[in-house]
Amino acid sequence: MSSFKKNILIIGALLWVWAMPASAQDYKSEIAAWRNQYIKDLLAEPRQPIKPGDERYLDFYPPDASYRVSASFQIAPGAAPIMVPTHSGKNKPFRLYGTLTFTIHDTALTLSLYQPIDIVSGAPRKDELFLPFNDLTNYESTFGGGRYIDLNISDIHDGFVELDFNKCYNPYCAFAEGFSCPIPPDENRLKIEIRAGEKMFTKYLGR
């Protein structure tokens, strides 16, 4: 092999090595920015699920891009509103908007995706979609009552949705009493561990 070809191969390999950490670093920065905004929103919430200073008790898994997947979306046309139980004993109205099918670590999974219903008007709440789920980390490293992911109708493109479990978060019930947090339905109980996103709130765990 000529020295010219060897140099081309070496340069190409170096460019590939340099590009990979940059991409990973960009993703870590994206998740860090998302979490910073999430914490700011928690502190700004008038109902105060956490108090100033409680930020130190929030805990998250390290960013892991293997939990960011492309999910196939199937709409549920004409689904009637249903009342979803909450941790406070009250019910909240939602309607099944569709299902998401995807694979994580070679395991095929399906989750039901919901649209909130405005209690006063009885109409769906604009572009909002709601994904509550349980997984096998509950009660071990994550809140036992499940976690949530927020999506929008505009996130659906050509029948697919980017689903990033690094952005899943705890319901307010994980932080304090007095909130009506929807309980994930049985069909959204994943039989795997989702080691991504928010972990248990540690304030009351003596950590």
N, C-alpha and C. Protein backbone atom coordinates (compact mmCIF):
# COMPACT_ATOMS: atom_id res chain seq x y z
N MET A 1 0.86 -1.20 0.00
CA MET A 1 0.00 0.00 0.00
C MET A 1 0.89 1.24 0.00
N SER A 2 0.53 2.20 -0.83
CA SER A 2 1.34 3.42 -0.93
C SER A 2 1.20 4.25 0.34
N SER A 3 2.22 5.10 0.58
CA SER A 3 2.18 5.97 1.76
C SER A 3 1.01 6.94 1.67
N PHE A 4 0.64 7.33 0.43
CA PHE A 4 -0.50 8.25 0.26
C PHE A 4 -1.79 7.60 0.76
N LYS A 5 -2.03 6.34 0.36
CA LYS A 5 -3.25 5.64 0.77
C LYS A 5 -3.26 5.41 2.28
N LYS A 6 -2.04 5.09 2.82
CA LYS A 6 -1.96 4.90 4.27
C LYS A 6 -2.33 6.19 5.01
N ASN A 7 -1.85 7.32 4.50
CA ASN A 7 -2.16 8.60 5.13
C ASN A 7 -3.65 8.91 5.06
N ILE A 8 -4.28 8.58 3.92
CA ILE A 8 -5.73 8.81 3.78
C ILE A 8 -6.50 7.97 4.79
N LEU A 9 -6.11 6.70 4.95
CA LEU A 9 -6.79 5.83 5.91
C LEU A 9 -6.61 6.33 7.34
N ILE A 10 -5.41 6.76 7.66
CA ILE A 10 -5.14 7.27 9.02
C ILE A 10 -5.97 8.52 9.30
N ILE A 11 -6.01 9.43 8.33
CA ILE A 11 -6.79 10.67 8.50
C ILE A 11 -8.27 10.34 8.67
N GLY A 12 -8.76 9.40 7.84
CA GLY A 12 -10.16 9.02 7.95
C GLY A 12 -10.49 8.42 9.31
N ALA A 13 -9.60 7.56 9.82
CA ALA A 13 -9.82 6.95 11.14
C ALA A 13 -9.82 8.00 12.23
N LEU A 14 -8.90 8.96 12.14
CA LEU A 14 -8.83 10.02 13.14
C LEU A 14 -10.10 10.88 13.14
N LEU A 15 -10.59 11.19 11.94
CA LEU A 15 -11.81 11.98 11.84
C LEU A 15 -12.99 11.24 12.45
N TRP A 16 -13.06 9.91 12.24
CA TRP A 16 -14.14 9.12 12.82
C TRP A 16 -14.06 9.12 14.34
N VAL A 17 -12.86 8.94 14.87
CA VAL A 17 -12.67 8.93 16.33
C VAL A 17 -13.02 10.28 16.94
N TRP A 18 -12.60 11.36 16.27
CA TRP A 18 -12.88 12.70 16.79
C TRP A 18 -14.38 13.01 16.75
N ALA A 19 -15.06 12.55 15.71
CA ALA A 19 -16.49 12.86 15.53
C ALA A 19 -17.35 12.16 16.56
N MET A 20 -17.02 10.93 16.94
CA MET A 20 -17.86 10.17 17.87
C MET A 20 -17.95 10.83 19.24
N PRO A 21 -16.85 11.18 19.91
CA PRO A 21 -16.98 11.85 21.21
C PRO A 21 -17.72 13.18 21.12
N ALA A 22 -17.55 13.90 20.02
CA ALA A 22 -18.24 15.18 19.88
C ALA A 22 -19.74 14.97 19.87
N SER A 23 -20.20 13.94 19.13
CA SER A 23 -21.63 13.64 19.06
C SER A 23 -22.16 13.24 20.43
N ALA A 24 -21.41 12.38 21.12
CA ALA A 24 -21.82 11.95 22.46
C ALA A 24 -21.87 13.14 23.42
N GLN A 25 -20.87 14.02 23.30
CA GLN A 25 -20.83 15.19 24.17
C GLN A 25 -22.00 16.12 23.89
N ASP A 26 -22.35 16.28 22.62
CA ASP A 26 -23.51 17.11 22.26
C ASP A 26 -24.78 16.56 22.89
N TYR A 27 -24.92 15.23 22.88
CA TYR A 27 -26.12 14.63 23.47
C TYR A 27 -26.15 14.83 24.98
N LYS A 28 -25.01 14.66 25.62
CA LYS A 28 -24.94 14.89 27.07
C LYS A 28 -25.30 16.35 27.39
N SER A 29 -24.83 17.26 26.57
CA SER A 29 -25.14 18.68 26.78
C SER A 29 -26.63 18.94 26.59
N GLU A 30 -27.23 18.27 25.61
CA GLU A 30 -28.67 18.42 25.37
C GLU A 30 -29.47 17.95 26.58
N ILE A 31 -29.10 16.80 27.13
CA ILE A 31 -29.82 16.26 28.30
C ILE A 31 -29.58 17.14 29.53
N ALA A 32 -28.35 17.64 29.69
CA ALA A 32 -28.06 18.53 30.82
C ALA A 32 -28.89 19.79 30.74
N ALA A 33 -29.04 20.35 29.55
CA ALA A 33 -29.85 21.56 29.37
C ALA A 33 -31.31 21.26 29.66
N TRP A 34 -31.79 20.11 29.21
CA TRP A 34 -33.19 19.72 29.47
C TRP A 34 -33.43 19.60 30.97
N ARG A 35 -32.51 18.99 31.68
CA ARG A 35 -32.68 18.79 33.13
C ARG A 35 -32.59 20.11 33.89
N ASN A 36 -31.73 20.99 33.47
CA ASN A 36 -31.65 22.30 34.12
C ASN A 36 -32.97 23.05 33.99
N GLN A 37 -33.56 22.99 32.79
CA GLN A 37 -34.84 23.66 32.58
C GLN A 37 -35.95 22.97 33.38
N TYR A 38 -35.90 21.66 33.45
CA TYR A 38 -36.88 20.90 34.24
C TYR A 38 -36.84 21.34 35.71
N ILE A 39 -35.65 21.47 36.26
CA ILE A 39 -35.51 21.88 37.66
C ILE A 39 -36.01 23.32 37.85
N LYS A 40 -35.70 24.20 36.91
CA LYS A 40 -36.20 25.58 36.99
C LYS A 40 -37.72 25.60 36.98
N ASP A 41 -38.32 24.78 36.12
CA ASP A 41 -39.79 24.73 36.04
C ASP A 41 -40.40 24.19 37.33
N LEU A 42 -39.75 23.20 37.94
CA LEU A 42 -40.24 22.67 39.22
C LEU A 42 -40.24 23.76 40.29
N LEU A 43 -39.18 24.52 40.36
CA LEU A 43 -39.06 25.56 41.38
C LEU A 43 -40.01 26.72 41.12
N ALA A 44 -40.35 26.94 39.84
CA ALA A 44 -41.24 28.04 39.49
C ALA A 44 -42.71 27.66 39.59
N GLU A 45 -43.00 26.37 39.71
CA GLU A 45 -44.39 25.91 39.79
C GLU A 45 -45.06 26.49 41.04
N PRO A 46 -46.19 27.22 40.88
CA PRO A 46 -46.85 27.85 42.04
C PRO A 46 -47.27 26.87 43.13
N ARG A 47 -47.56 25.63 42.76
CA ARG A 47 -48.00 24.65 43.77
C ARG A 47 -46.83 24.08 44.58
N GLN A 48 -45.61 24.42 44.20
CA GLN A 48 -44.39 24.07 44.93
C GLN A 48 -44.25 22.57 45.24
N PRO A 49 -44.10 21.74 44.22
CA PRO A 49 -43.81 20.33 44.51
C PRO A 49 -42.48 20.16 45.23
N ILE A 50 -41.51 21.04 44.95
CA ILE A 50 -40.27 21.07 45.72
C ILE A 50 -40.03 22.51 46.16
N LYS A 51 -39.26 22.65 47.23
CA LYS A 51 -38.92 23.96 47.77
C LYS A 51 -37.50 24.34 47.35
N PRO A 52 -37.18 25.64 47.35
CA PRO A 52 -35.80 26.04 47.08
C PRO A 52 -34.84 25.32 48.02
N GLY A 53 -33.81 24.77 47.49
CA GLY A 53 -32.86 23.98 48.27
C GLY A 53 -33.05 22.48 48.08
N ASP A 54 -34.26 22.09 47.62
CA ASP A 54 -34.53 20.66 47.41
C ASP A 54 -33.88 20.12 46.14
N GLU A 55 -33.29 21.02 45.34
CA GLU A 55 -32.66 20.56 44.10
C GLU A 55 -31.60 19.48 44.37
N ARG A 56 -30.95 19.58 45.52
CA ARG A 56 -29.87 18.64 45.81
C ARG A 56 -30.39 17.22 46.03
N TYR A 57 -31.70 17.08 46.22
CA TYR A 57 -32.28 15.75 46.40
C TYR A 57 -32.78 15.13 45.10
N LEU A 58 -32.70 15.88 44.01
CA LEU A 58 -33.09 15.33 42.71
C LEU A 58 -31.94 14.48 42.18
N ASP A 59 -32.28 13.36 41.57
CA ASP A 59 -31.25 12.43 41.12
C ASP A 59 -31.64 11.87 39.75
N PHE A 60 -30.65 11.65 38.90
CA PHE A 60 -30.89 11.20 37.53
C PHE A 60 -29.86 10.15 37.13
N TYR A 61 -30.26 9.26 36.26
CA TYR A 61 -29.31 8.36 35.63
C TYR A 61 -28.40 9.16 34.69
N PRO A 62 -27.17 8.70 34.49
CA PRO A 62 -26.32 9.35 33.47
C PRO A 62 -26.99 9.25 32.10
N PRO A 63 -26.84 10.25 31.25
CA PRO A 63 -27.43 10.18 29.91
C PRO A 63 -26.97 8.92 29.17
N ASP A 64 -27.92 8.25 28.54
CA ASP A 64 -27.64 7.00 27.83
C ASP A 64 -28.44 7.00 26.53
N ALA A 65 -27.76 7.21 25.42
CA ALA A 65 -28.44 7.35 24.13
C ALA A 65 -29.13 6.06 23.69
N SER A 66 -28.81 4.91 24.31
CA SER A 66 -29.48 3.67 23.93
C SER A 66 -30.95 3.68 24.36
N TYR A 67 -31.32 4.63 25.22
CA TYR A 67 -32.72 4.78 25.63
C TYR A 67 -33.44 5.87 24.84
N ARG A 68 -32.83 6.35 23.78
CA ARG A 68 -33.48 7.26 22.84
C ARG A 68 -33.77 6.46 21.58
N VAL A 69 -35.05 6.23 21.31
CA VAL A 69 -35.44 5.32 20.23
C VAL A 69 -36.45 5.97 19.30
N SER A 70 -36.56 5.41 18.12
CA SER A 70 -37.59 5.80 17.17
C SER A 70 -38.76 4.84 17.34
N ALA A 71 -39.92 5.38 17.69
CA ALA A 71 -41.10 4.55 17.96
C ALA A 71 -42.12 4.70 16.83
N SER A 72 -42.65 3.57 16.39
CA SER A 72 -43.71 3.58 15.39
C SER A 72 -45.02 3.96 16.06
N PHE A 73 -45.73 4.91 15.46
CA PHE A 73 -46.98 5.41 16.05
C PHE A 73 -48.18 4.92 15.27
N GLN A 74 -49.18 4.40 16.01
CA GLN A 74 -50.46 3.98 15.42
C GLN A 74 -51.58 4.73 16.12
N ILE A 75 -52.31 5.57 15.39
CA ILE A 75 -53.36 6.38 16.00
C ILE A 75 -54.54 5.51 16.40
N ALA A 76 -55.27 5.95 17.43
CA ALA A 76 -56.49 5.27 17.89
C ALA A 76 -57.67 6.17 17.55
N PRO A 77 -58.20 6.08 16.34
CA PRO A 77 -59.27 7.02 15.92
C PRO A 77 -60.57 6.79 16.69
N GLY A 78 -61.18 7.90 17.07
CA GLY A 78 -62.49 7.84 17.70
C GLY A 78 -62.52 7.29 19.11
N ALA A 79 -61.35 7.25 19.78
CA ALA A 79 -61.33 6.71 21.14
C ALA A 79 -62.11 7.63 22.08
N ALA A 80 -62.95 7.04 22.90
CA ALA A 80 -63.76 7.82 23.84
C ALA A 80 -62.94 8.22 25.05
N PRO A 81 -63.27 9.36 25.68
CA PRO A 81 -62.57 9.75 26.90
C PRO A 81 -62.75 8.72 28.01
N ILE A 82 -61.72 8.57 28.81
CA ILE A 82 -61.77 7.66 29.96
C ILE A 82 -61.31 8.42 31.20
N MET A 83 -61.69 7.91 32.36
CA MET A 83 -61.26 8.50 33.62
C MET A 83 -60.11 7.67 34.18
N VAL A 84 -58.96 8.31 34.35
CA VAL A 84 -57.75 7.63 34.81
C VAL A 84 -57.58 7.87 36.30
N PRO A 85 -57.42 6.82 37.11
CA PRO A 85 -57.21 7.00 38.55
C PRO A 85 -55.90 7.73 38.83
N THR A 86 -55.87 8.46 39.94
CA THR A 86 -54.66 9.15 40.37
C THR A 86 -54.27 8.69 41.77
N HIS A 87 -53.08 9.08 42.21
CA HIS A 87 -52.58 8.68 43.52
C HIS A 87 -53.37 9.31 44.67
N SER A 88 -54.12 10.37 44.38
CA SER A 88 -54.92 11.01 45.43
C SER A 88 -56.29 10.37 45.58
N GLY A 89 -56.65 9.47 44.69
CA GLY A 89 -57.98 8.85 44.71
C GLY A 89 -58.96 9.50 43.76
N LYS A 90 -58.60 10.67 43.23
CA LYS A 90 -59.45 11.32 42.24
C LYS A 90 -59.18 10.72 40.86
N ASN A 91 -60.05 11.05 39.92
CA ASN A 91 -59.87 10.61 38.54
C ASN A 91 -59.65 11.81 37.63
N LYS A 92 -58.88 11.61 36.57
CA LYS A 92 -58.64 12.67 35.59
C LYS A 92 -59.02 12.15 34.20
N PRO A 93 -59.61 13.04 33.35
CA PRO A 93 -60.03 12.59 32.03
C PRO A 93 -58.89 12.62 31.00
N PHE A 94 -58.78 11.55 30.24
CA PHE A 94 -57.84 11.43 29.13
C PHE A 94 -58.56 10.66 28.02
N ARG A 95 -57.97 10.69 26.85
CA ARG A 95 -58.42 9.76 25.82
C ARG A 95 -57.20 9.11 25.20
N LEU A 96 -57.36 7.83 24.85
CA LEU A 96 -56.28 7.12 24.18
C LEU A 96 -56.05 7.76 22.82
N TYR A 97 -54.82 8.24 22.59
CA TYR A 97 -54.52 8.89 21.31
C TYR A 97 -53.91 7.90 20.32
N GLY A 98 -53.18 6.92 20.83
CA GLY A 98 -52.56 5.94 19.94
C GLY A 98 -51.59 5.06 20.71
N THR A 99 -50.84 4.25 19.98
CA THR A 99 -49.86 3.36 20.60
C THR A 99 -48.49 3.59 19.96
N LEU A 100 -47.46 3.36 20.77
CA LEU A 100 -46.08 3.47 20.33
C LEU A 100 -45.42 2.10 20.44
N THR A 101 -44.79 1.67 19.36
CA THR A 101 -44.10 0.39 19.34
C THR A 101 -42.63 0.64 19.04
N PHE A 102 -41.75 0.03 19.82
CA PHE A 102 -40.33 0.32 19.69
C PHE A 102 -39.52 -0.83 20.29
N THR A 103 -38.22 -0.74 20.16
CA THR A 103 -37.32 -1.76 20.69
C THR A 103 -36.24 -1.10 21.53
N ILE A 104 -36.02 -1.65 22.72
CA ILE A 104 -34.91 -1.21 23.58
C ILE A 104 -34.12 -2.44 23.98
N HIS A 105 -32.82 -2.41 23.71
CA HIS A 105 -31.93 -3.51 24.07
C HIS A 105 -32.48 -4.86 23.60
N ASP A 106 -32.93 -4.88 22.35
CA ASP A 106 -33.44 -6.09 21.68
C ASP A 106 -34.77 -6.59 22.23
N THR A 107 -35.46 -5.76 23.01
CA THR A 107 -36.78 -6.13 23.52
C THR A 107 -37.84 -5.27 22.86
N ALA A 108 -38.82 -5.91 22.22
CA ALA A 108 -39.91 -5.18 21.57
C ALA A 108 -40.93 -4.76 22.63
N LEU A 109 -41.34 -3.49 22.60
CA LEU A 109 -42.22 -2.94 23.63
C LEU A 109 -43.33 -2.10 22.98
N THR A 110 -44.42 -1.97 23.71
CA THR A 110 -45.54 -1.13 23.26
C THR A 110 -46.06 -0.32 24.44
N LEU A 111 -46.34 0.96 24.21
CA LEU A 111 -46.92 1.84 25.23
C LEU A 111 -48.13 2.57 24.64
N SER A 112 -49.12 2.79 25.48
CA SER A 112 -50.28 3.58 25.09
C SER A 112 -50.01 5.06 25.34
N LEU A 113 -50.36 5.88 24.38
CA LEU A 113 -50.13 7.32 24.44
C LEU A 113 -51.46 8.03 24.61
N TYR A 114 -51.53 8.97 25.55
CA TYR A 114 -52.80 9.60 25.91
C TYR A 114 -52.80 11.10 25.62
N GLN A 115 -54.01 11.63 25.47
CA GLN A 115 -54.20 13.06 25.30
C GLN A 115 -55.02 13.58 26.48
N PRO A 116 -54.51 14.58 27.22
CA PRO A 116 -55.29 15.13 28.33
C PRO A 116 -56.57 15.80 27.84
N ILE A 117 -57.60 15.72 28.68
CA ILE A 117 -58.88 16.36 28.39
C ILE A 117 -59.09 17.49 29.39
N ASP A 118 -59.43 18.67 28.91
CA ASP A 118 -59.70 19.80 29.79
C ASP A 118 -60.96 19.50 30.62
N ILE A 119 -60.84 19.63 31.94
CA ILE A 119 -61.94 19.28 32.83
C ILE A 119 -63.14 20.20 32.62
N VAL A 120 -62.89 21.47 32.36
CA VAL A 120 -63.97 22.45 32.22
C VAL A 120 -64.68 22.32 30.87
N SER A 121 -63.90 22.36 29.79
CA SER A 121 -64.50 22.37 28.45
C SER A 121 -64.80 20.97 27.92
N GLY A 122 -64.10 19.96 28.45
CA GLY A 122 -64.27 18.61 27.94
C GLY A 122 -63.57 18.38 26.62
N ALA A 123 -62.76 19.34 26.18
CA ALA A 123 -62.06 19.24 24.90
C ALA A 123 -60.61 18.80 25.12
N PRO A 124 -60.02 18.11 24.13
CA PRO A 124 -58.60 17.75 24.23
C PRO A 124 -57.73 19.00 24.37
N ARG A 125 -56.65 18.89 25.13
CA ARG A 125 -55.79 20.03 25.40
C ARG A 125 -54.77 20.23 24.30
N LYS A 126 -55.19 20.90 23.24
CA LYS A 126 -54.35 21.37 22.14
C LYS A 126 -53.43 20.27 21.63
N ASP A 127 -52.12 20.55 21.69
CA ASP A 127 -51.12 19.69 21.07
C ASP A 127 -50.55 18.67 22.06
N GLU A 128 -51.02 18.67 23.31
CA GLU A 128 -50.37 17.90 24.36
C GLU A 128 -50.65 16.41 24.28
N LEU A 129 -49.60 15.61 24.52
CA LEU A 129 -49.73 14.17 24.65
C LEU A 129 -48.98 13.73 25.91
N PHE A 130 -49.43 12.62 26.49
CA PHE A 130 -48.97 12.22 27.82
C PHE A 130 -48.66 10.73 27.80
N LEU A 131 -47.45 10.38 28.26
CA LEU A 131 -47.02 8.99 28.27
C LEU A 131 -46.60 8.57 29.68
N PRO A 132 -47.50 7.96 30.44
CA PRO A 132 -47.14 7.45 31.77
C PRO A 132 -46.71 5.98 31.67
N PHE A 133 -45.73 5.58 32.46
CA PHE A 133 -45.30 4.17 32.39
C PHE A 133 -44.67 3.74 33.71
N ASN A 134 -44.69 2.44 33.93
CA ASN A 134 -43.94 1.79 35.00
C ASN A 134 -42.88 0.89 34.37
N ASP A 135 -41.86 0.56 35.15
CA ASP A 135 -40.86 -0.39 34.68
C ASP A 135 -40.24 -1.08 35.89
N LEU A 136 -39.31 -1.98 35.65
CA LEU A 136 -38.77 -2.81 36.73
C LEU A 136 -37.79 -2.10 37.65
N THR A 137 -37.51 -0.83 37.40
CA THR A 137 -36.69 -0.07 38.35
C THR A 137 -37.53 0.54 39.46
N ASN A 138 -38.86 0.56 39.31
CA ASN A 138 -39.73 1.17 40.32
C ASN A 138 -39.53 0.50 41.68
N TYR A 139 -39.50 1.32 42.73
CA TYR A 139 -39.27 0.91 44.12
C TYR A 139 -37.82 0.50 44.38
N GLU A 140 -37.02 0.35 43.32
CA GLU A 140 -35.62 -0.03 43.50
C GLU A 140 -34.71 1.20 43.36
N SER A 141 -34.82 1.90 42.23
CA SER A 141 -34.04 3.11 42.05
C SER A 141 -34.89 4.28 41.55
N THR A 142 -36.15 3.99 41.19
CA THR A 142 -37.05 5.05 40.72
C THR A 142 -38.35 5.04 41.50
N PHE A 143 -39.10 6.13 41.39
CA PHE A 143 -40.35 6.29 42.12
C PHE A 143 -41.31 5.14 41.81
N GLY A 144 -41.89 4.57 42.87
CA GLY A 144 -42.75 3.41 42.71
C GLY A 144 -44.01 3.66 41.92
N GLY A 145 -44.46 4.91 41.89
CA GLY A 145 -45.71 5.24 41.21
C GLY A 145 -45.56 5.49 39.73
N GLY A 146 -44.37 5.21 39.16
CA GLY A 146 -44.17 5.38 37.73
C GLY A 146 -43.57 6.72 37.37
N ARG A 147 -43.30 6.89 36.08
CA ARG A 147 -42.73 8.13 35.57
C ARG A 147 -43.47 8.54 34.30
N TYR A 148 -43.21 9.77 33.87
CA TYR A 148 -43.93 10.34 32.73
C TYR A 148 -42.97 10.84 31.66
N ILE A 149 -43.48 10.89 30.43
CA ILE A 149 -42.82 11.60 29.33
C ILE A 149 -43.86 12.48 28.67
N ASP A 150 -43.52 13.74 28.42
CA ASP A 150 -44.40 14.65 27.70
C ASP A 150 -44.04 14.67 26.22
N LEU A 151 -45.07 14.60 25.39
CA LEU A 151 -44.89 14.69 23.94
C LEU A 151 -45.92 15.64 23.37
N ASN A 152 -45.76 16.00 22.12
CA ASN A 152 -46.72 16.82 21.40
C ASN A 152 -47.16 16.11 20.13
N ILE A 153 -48.32 16.44 19.65
CA ILE A 153 -48.78 15.88 18.38
C ILE A 153 -47.79 16.23 17.27
N SER A 154 -47.20 17.41 17.37
CA SER A 154 -46.23 17.86 16.37
C SER A 154 -44.94 17.05 16.39
N ASP A 155 -44.74 16.21 17.43
CA ASP A 155 -43.56 15.34 17.47
C ASP A 155 -43.71 14.12 16.56
N ILE A 156 -44.92 13.89 16.06
CA ILE A 156 -45.17 12.72 15.21
C ILE A 156 -44.84 13.10 13.76
N HIS A 157 -43.93 12.36 13.16
CA HIS A 157 -43.50 12.64 11.78
C HIS A 157 -43.54 11.36 10.97
N ASP A 158 -44.40 11.33 9.96
CA ASP A 158 -44.48 10.17 9.05
C ASP A 158 -44.67 8.86 9.81
N GLY A 159 -45.49 8.91 10.86
CA GLY A 159 -45.80 7.70 11.60
C GLY A 159 -44.77 7.27 12.62
N PHE A 160 -43.82 8.17 12.94
CA PHE A 160 -42.80 7.83 13.93
C PHE A 160 -42.63 8.97 14.93
N VAL A 161 -42.18 8.61 16.13
CA VAL A 161 -41.92 9.57 17.20
C VAL A 161 -40.56 9.25 17.82
N GLU A 162 -39.75 10.28 18.04
CA GLU A 162 -38.53 10.06 18.82
C GLU A 162 -38.91 10.01 20.29
N LEU A 163 -38.61 8.89 20.90
CA LEU A 163 -38.98 8.65 22.30
C LEU A 163 -37.69 8.57 23.11
N ASP A 164 -37.48 9.54 24.00
CA ASP A 164 -36.23 9.62 24.76
C ASP A 164 -36.52 9.45 26.24
N PHE A 165 -36.20 8.27 26.76
CA PHE A 165 -36.45 8.00 28.18
C PHE A 165 -35.48 8.75 29.09
N ASN A 166 -34.43 9.35 28.54
CA ASN A 166 -33.58 10.21 29.34
C ASN A 166 -34.32 11.47 29.80
N LYS A 167 -35.46 11.74 29.16
CA LYS A 167 -36.27 12.90 29.52
C LYS A 167 -37.53 12.52 30.31
N CYS A 168 -37.56 11.29 30.81
CA CYS A 168 -38.72 10.95 31.65
C CYS A 168 -38.52 11.53 33.04
N TYR A 169 -39.62 11.86 33.69
CA TYR A 169 -39.55 12.59 34.95
C TYR A 169 -40.57 12.06 35.95
N ASN A 170 -40.39 12.43 37.20
CA ASN A 170 -41.29 11.99 38.26
C ASN A 170 -42.56 12.82 38.30
N PRO A 171 -43.68 12.19 38.66
CA PRO A 171 -44.88 12.99 38.98
C PRO A 171 -44.65 13.77 40.27
N TYR A 172 -45.44 14.81 40.46
CA TYR A 172 -45.29 15.62 41.67
C TYR A 172 -45.48 14.79 42.94
N CYS A 173 -46.23 13.70 42.85
CA CYS A 173 -46.46 12.85 44.01
C CYS A 173 -45.18 12.22 44.54
N ALA A 174 -44.13 12.20 43.73
CA ALA A 174 -42.85 11.67 44.19
C ALA A 174 -42.18 12.62 45.17
N PHE A 175 -42.60 13.89 45.15
CA PHE A 175 -41.97 14.92 45.98
C PHE A 175 -42.78 15.30 47.22
N ALA A 176 -44.10 15.26 47.10
CA ALA A 176 -44.94 15.74 48.20
C ALA A 176 -46.35 15.18 48.07
N GLU A 177 -47.09 15.22 49.16
CA GLU A 177 -48.49 14.78 49.14
C GLU A 177 -49.38 15.92 48.65
N GLY A 178 -50.63 15.57 48.34
CA GLY A 178 -51.60 16.58 47.96
C GLY A 178 -51.75 16.80 46.47
N PHE A 179 -51.11 15.96 45.65
CA PHE A 179 -51.23 16.09 44.20
C PHE A 179 -52.00 14.91 43.63
N SER A 180 -52.70 15.16 42.53
CA SER A 180 -53.46 14.11 41.85
C SER A 180 -52.68 13.68 40.61
N CYS A 181 -51.82 12.70 40.78
CA CYS A 181 -50.92 12.26 39.70
C CYS A 181 -51.49 10.99 39.06
N PRO A 182 -51.71 11.01 37.75
CA PRO A 182 -52.25 9.82 37.08
C PRO A 182 -51.39 8.57 37.30
N ILE A 183 -52.05 7.46 37.56
CA ILE A 183 -51.37 6.18 37.73
C ILE A 183 -51.24 5.52 36.35
N PRO A 184 -50.04 5.11 35.96
CA PRO A 184 -49.88 4.46 34.66
C PRO A 184 -50.80 3.25 34.53
N PRO A 185 -51.46 3.10 33.39
CA PRO A 185 -52.36 1.96 33.21
C PRO A 185 -51.59 0.66 33.12
N ASP A 186 -52.27 -0.45 33.34
CA ASP A 186 -51.61 -1.76 33.35
C ASP A 186 -50.87 -2.05 32.05
N GLU A 187 -51.43 -1.60 30.91
CA GLU A 187 -50.79 -1.90 29.63
C GLU A 187 -49.48 -1.13 29.45
N ASN A 188 -49.21 -0.16 30.32
CA ASN A 188 -47.97 0.61 30.24
C ASN A 188 -46.97 0.20 31.31
N ARG A 189 -47.09 -1.04 31.77
CA ARG A 189 -46.12 -1.60 32.72
C ARG A 189 -45.07 -2.39 31.93
N LEU A 190 -43.92 -1.79 31.74
CA LEU A 190 -42.86 -2.42 30.97
C LEU A 190 -42.17 -3.51 31.79
N LYS A 191 -41.89 -4.63 31.15
CA LYS A 191 -41.27 -5.77 31.82
C LYS A 191 -39.74 -5.75 31.70
N ILE A 192 -39.20 -4.55 31.59
CA ILE A 192 -37.74 -4.38 31.56
C ILE A 192 -37.38 -3.21 32.48
N GLU A 193 -36.10 -3.05 32.73
CA GLU A 193 -35.62 -1.89 33.49
C GLU A 193 -35.34 -0.75 32.53
N ILE A 194 -35.86 0.42 32.85
CA ILE A 194 -35.54 1.64 32.10
C ILE A 194 -34.59 2.46 32.97
N ARG A 195 -33.29 2.21 32.80
CA ARG A 195 -32.27 2.89 33.61
C ARG A 195 -31.87 4.19 32.93
N ALA A 196 -32.84 5.08 32.86
CA ALA A 196 -32.65 6.39 32.22
C ALA A 196 -33.65 7.35 32.85
N GLY A 197 -33.33 8.63 32.76
CA GLY A 197 -34.24 9.64 33.28
C GLY A 197 -34.12 9.86 34.78
N GLU A 198 -35.20 10.35 35.37
CA GLU A 198 -35.17 10.73 36.79
C GLU A 198 -35.28 9.51 37.70
N LYS A 199 -34.51 9.57 38.79
CA LYS A 199 -34.52 8.52 39.81
C LYS A 199 -35.34 8.98 41.01
N MET A 200 -35.26 8.23 42.10
CA MET A 200 -36.02 8.58 43.30
C MET A 200 -35.60 9.94 43.85
N PHE A 201 -36.57 10.66 44.41
CA PHE A 201 -36.31 11.88 45.17
C PHE A 201 -35.74 11.44 46.51
N THR A 202 -34.53 11.89 46.85
CA THR A 202 -33.81 11.31 47.99
C THR A 202 -34.01 12.05 49.31
N LYS A 203 -34.84 13.07 49.34
CA LYS A 203 -34.98 13.89 50.54
C LYS A 203 -35.40 13.07 51.75
N TYR A 204 -36.27 12.11 51.53
CA TYR A 204 -36.83 11.36 52.66
C TYR A 204 -36.22 9.96 52.77
N LEU A 205 -35.10 9.74 52.07
CA LEU A 205 -34.49 8.42 52.08
C LEU A 205 -33.24 8.37 52.96
N GLY A 206 -32.90 9.48 53.58
CA GLY A 206 -31.74 9.52 54.44
C GLY A 206 -30.42 9.44 53.69
N ARG A 207 -30.45 9.86 52.40
CA ARG A 207 -29.21 9.81 51.61
C ARG A 207 -28.54 11.18 51.58
